[in-house]
C-alpha atoms as a PDB file:
ATOM      1  CA  UNK A   1      53.073   5.360 -42.945  1.00  0.00           C
ATOM      2  CA  UNK A   2      50.018   7.498 -42.042  1.00  0.00           C
ATOM      3  CA  UNK A   3      46.799   8.748 -43.629  1.00  0.00           C
ATOM      4  CA  UNK A   4      45.461  12.250 -43.046  1.00  0.00           C
ATOM      5  CA  UNK A   5      41.766  12.421 -42.187  1.00  0.00           C
ATOM      6  CA  UNK A   6      39.230  15.253 -42.408  1.00  0.00           C
ATOM      7  CA  UNK A   7      40.169  16.451 -38.895  1.00  0.00           C
ATOM      8  CA  UNK A   8      43.848  16.851 -39.755  1.00  0.00           C
ATOM      9  CA  UNK A   9      44.873  13.728 -37.835  1.00  0.00           C
ATOM     10  CA  UNK A  10      47.789  11.769 -39.249  1.00  0.00           C
ATOM     11  CA  UNK A  11      46.495   8.259 -38.558  1.00  0.00           C
ATOM     12  CA  UNK A  12      49.327   5.738 -38.092  1.00  0.00           C
ATOM     13  CA  UNK A  13      48.743   2.756 -40.368  1.00  0.00           C
ATOM     14  CA  UNK A  14      51.028   0.156 -38.809  1.00  0.00           C
ATOM     15  CA  UNK A  15      51.167  -1.810 -35.566  1.00  0.00           C
ATOM     16  CA  UNK A  16      51.062   0.126 -32.356  1.00  0.00           C
ATOM     17  CA  UNK A  17      52.285  -0.059 -28.804  1.00  0.00           C
ATOM     18  CA  UNK A  18      53.500  -3.397 -27.548  1.00  0.00           C
ATOM     19  CA  UNK A  19      54.421  -4.996 -30.867  1.00  0.00           C
ATOM     20  CA  UNK A  20      58.017  -5.470 -31.936  1.00  0.00           C
ATOM     21  CA  UNK A  21      61.218  -4.288 -30.323  1.00  0.00           C
ATOM     22  CA  UNK A  22      61.642  -0.740 -31.631  1.00  0.00           C
ATOM     23  CA  UNK A  23      60.888   2.380 -29.590  1.00  0.00           C
ATOM     24  CA  UNK A  24      58.252   3.174 -32.191  1.00  0.00           C
ATOM     25  CA  UNK A  25      56.381   0.010 -31.260  1.00  0.00           C
ATOM     26  CA  UNK A  26      57.203  -0.098 -27.561  1.00  0.00           C
ATOM     27  CA  UNK A  27      55.990   3.395 -26.659  1.00  0.00           C
ATOM     28  CA  UNK A  28      53.609   4.269 -29.452  1.00  0.00           C
ATOM     29  CA  UNK A  29      54.463   6.090 -32.657  1.00  0.00           C
ATOM     30  CA  UNK A  30      53.086   9.431 -31.431  1.00  0.00           C
ATOM     31  CA  UNK A  31      55.928   9.705 -28.870  1.00  0.00           C
ATOM     32  CA  UNK A  32      58.527   9.281 -31.599  1.00  0.00           C
ATOM     33  CA  UNK A  33      56.798  11.817 -33.838  1.00  0.00           C
ATOM     34  CA  UNK A  34      56.715  14.250 -30.924  1.00  0.00           C
ATOM     35  CA  UNK A  35      60.471  13.845 -30.379  1.00  0.00           C
ATOM     36  CA  UNK A  36      61.269  14.217 -34.089  1.00  0.00           C
ATOM     37  CA  UNK A  37      59.163  17.355 -34.606  1.00  0.00           C
ATOM     38  CA  UNK A  38      59.169  19.039 -31.188  1.00  0.00           C
ATOM     39  CA  UNK A  39      62.113  17.705 -29.193  1.00  0.00           C
ATOM     40  CA  UNK A  40      62.760  15.568 -26.158  1.00  0.00           C
ATOM     41  CA  UNK A  41      60.154  14.516 -23.639  1.00  0.00           C
ATOM     42  CA  UNK A  42      61.233  15.510 -20.120  1.00  0.00           C
ATOM     43  CA  UNK A  43      61.148  12.804 -17.479  1.00  0.00           C
ATOM     44  CA  UNK A  44      57.789  12.622 -15.734  1.00  0.00           C
ATOM     45  CA  UNK A  45      55.812  13.967 -18.694  1.00  0.00           C
ATOM     46  CA  UNK A  46      53.686  12.095 -21.200  1.00  0.00           C
ATOM     47  CA  UNK A  47      52.561  12.920 -24.728  1.00  0.00           C
ATOM     48  CA  UNK A  48      48.861  13.710 -24.929  1.00  0.00           C
ATOM     49  CA  UNK A  49      46.542  14.066 -27.942  1.00  0.00           C
ATOM     50  CA  UNK A  50      44.496  17.258 -28.247  1.00  0.00           C
ATOM     51  CA  UNK A  51      42.408  15.414 -30.849  1.00  0.00           C
ATOM     52  CA  UNK A  52      41.775  12.385 -28.574  1.00  0.00           C
ATOM     53  CA  UNK A  53      42.794  10.068 -31.416  1.00  0.00           C
ATOM     54  CA  UNK A  54      45.376   7.577 -30.139  1.00  0.00           C
ATOM     55  CA  UNK A  55      46.414   6.694 -33.715  1.00  0.00           C
ATOM     56  CA  UNK A  56      47.206  10.341 -34.540  1.00  0.00           C
ATOM     57  CA  UNK A  57      50.875  11.239 -34.968  1.00  0.00           C
ATOM     58  CA  UNK A  58      50.341  14.843 -36.153  1.00  0.00           C
ATOM     59  CA  UNK A  59      52.794  16.922 -34.081  1.00  0.00           C
ATOM     60  CA  UNK A  60      50.288  19.810 -34.050  1.00  0.00           C
ATOM     61  CA  UNK A  61      47.898  17.552 -32.122  1.00  0.00           C
ATOM     62  CA  UNK A  62      50.489  16.417 -29.564  1.00  0.00           C
ATOM     63  CA  UNK A  63      51.215  18.195 -26.278  1.00  0.00           C
ATOM     64  CA  UNK A  64      53.058  17.334 -23.089  1.00  0.00           C
ATOM     65  CA  UNK A  65      51.397  16.844 -19.729  1.00  0.00           C
ATOM     66  CA  UNK A  66      51.638  14.878 -16.517  1.00  0.00           C
ATOM     67  CA  UNK A  67      49.980  11.518 -15.907  1.00  0.00           C
ATOM     68  CA  UNK A  68      47.379  13.380 -13.832  1.00  0.00           C
ATOM     69  CA  UNK A  69      46.699  15.739 -16.774  1.00  0.00           C
ATOM     70  CA  UNK A  70      46.301  12.735 -19.057  1.00  0.00           C
ATOM     71  CA  UNK A  71      43.897  10.978 -16.678  1.00  0.00           C
ATOM     72  CA  UNK A  72      41.803  14.136 -16.322  1.00  0.00           C
ATOM     73  CA  UNK A  73      41.864  14.684 -20.079  1.00  0.00           C
ATOM     74  CA  UNK A  74      40.543  11.165 -20.673  1.00  0.00           C
ATOM     75  CA  UNK A  75      37.818  11.441 -18.012  1.00  0.00           C
ATOM     76  CA  UNK A  76      34.207  11.295 -19.142  1.00  0.00           C
ATOM     77  CA  UNK A  77      33.455  14.884 -18.107  1.00  0.00           C
ATOM     78  CA  UNK A  78      36.414  16.290 -20.010  1.00  0.00           C
ATOM     79  CA  UNK A  79      35.609  14.183 -23.077  1.00  0.00           C
ATOM     80  CA  UNK A  80      32.016  15.435 -23.095  1.00  0.00           C
ATOM     81  CA  UNK A  81      33.179  19.061 -22.940  1.00  0.00           C
ATOM     82  CA  UNK A  82      35.615  18.471 -25.805  1.00  0.00           C
ATOM     83  CA  UNK A  83      32.940  16.748 -27.868  1.00  0.00           C
ATOM     84  CA  UNK A  84      30.498  19.603 -27.350  1.00  0.00           C
ATOM     85  CA  UNK A  85      33.187  22.177 -28.093  1.00  0.00           C
ATOM     86  CA  UNK A  86      33.958  20.352 -31.329  1.00  0.00           C
ATOM     87  CA  UNK A  87      30.312  20.164 -32.343  1.00  0.00           C
ATOM     88  CA  UNK A  88      29.493  23.823 -31.795  1.00  0.00           C
ATOM     89  CA  UNK A  89      31.434  25.852 -34.311  1.00  0.00           C
ATOM     90  CA  UNK A  90      31.655  29.638 -34.335  1.00  0.00           C
ATOM     91  CA  UNK A  91      29.521  29.788 -37.485  1.00  0.00           C
ATOM     92  CA  UNK A  92      26.630  28.275 -35.479  1.00  0.00           C
ATOM     93  CA  UNK A  93      26.704  30.785 -32.604  1.00  0.00           C
ATOM     94  CA  UNK A  94      24.317  33.308 -34.174  1.00  0.00           C
ATOM     95  CA  UNK A  95      21.781  30.566 -34.945  1.00  0.00           C
ATOM     96  CA  UNK A  96      21.971  29.270 -31.386  1.00  0.00           C
ATOM     97  CA  UNK A  97      21.534  32.789 -29.989  1.00  0.00           C
ATOM     98  CA  UNK A  98      18.462  33.262 -32.200  1.00  0.00           C
ATOM     99  CA  UNK A  99      16.959  30.001 -30.936  1.00  0.00           C
ATOM    100  CA  UNK A 100      17.436  31.127 -27.339  1.00  0.00           C
ATOM    101  CA  UNK A 101      15.828  34.504 -28.097  1.00  0.00           C
ATOM    102  CA  UNK A 102      12.830  32.756 -29.667  1.00  0.00           C
ATOM    103  CA  UNK A 103      12.638  30.405 -26.691  1.00  0.00           C
ATOM    104  CA  UNK A 104      12.695  33.335 -24.260  1.00  0.00           C
ATOM    105  CA  UNK A 105      10.016  35.156 -26.255  1.00  0.00           C
ATOM    106  CA  UNK A 106       7.824  32.034 -26.281  1.00  0.00           C
ATOM    107  CA  UNK A 107       8.285  31.469 -22.532  1.00  0.00           C
ATOM    108  CA  UNK A 108       7.384  35.099 -21.768  1.00  0.00           C
ATOM    109  CA  UNK A 109       4.266  34.815 -23.951  1.00  0.00           C
ATOM    110  CA  UNK A 110       3.232  31.591 -22.231  1.00  0.00           C
ATOM    111  CA  UNK A 111       3.870  33.084 -18.789  1.00  0.00           C
ATOM    112  CA  UNK A 112       1.714  36.084 -19.660  1.00  0.00           C
ATOM    113  CA  UNK A 113      -1.088  33.911 -21.027  1.00  0.00           C
ATOM    114  CA  UNK A 114      -1.251  31.540 -18.085  1.00  0.00           C
ATOM    115  CA  UNK A 115      -0.611  34.135 -15.372  1.00  0.00           C
ATOM    116  CA  UNK A 116      -3.987  35.792 -16.043  1.00  0.00           C
ATOM    117  CA  UNK A 117      -6.029  32.591 -15.876  1.00  0.00           C
END
């Protein structure tokens, strides 16, 4: 039915939206998984993926929002922020801070060297 990847996504392995007559096919399997694991979907709300993987049916990756929320979430700016947030892990913060300190030290040295010439 689904395969779990390294990000914890449950990737649906069968046909998706628009194929067949079942609700699972008509609306996308993630909606059905949401209803099974979390409950009904109020009118006017849509199921969104926090992982940005449309094939994912992991209920922990599914949240409710409005169409406007979903459009904003899929915008280029929002996607870039999510990508960067996913790339920079907490374990890397100290290394990044050290690079900035070195950069600042280098810039101050260069400023001092060229200011006197």
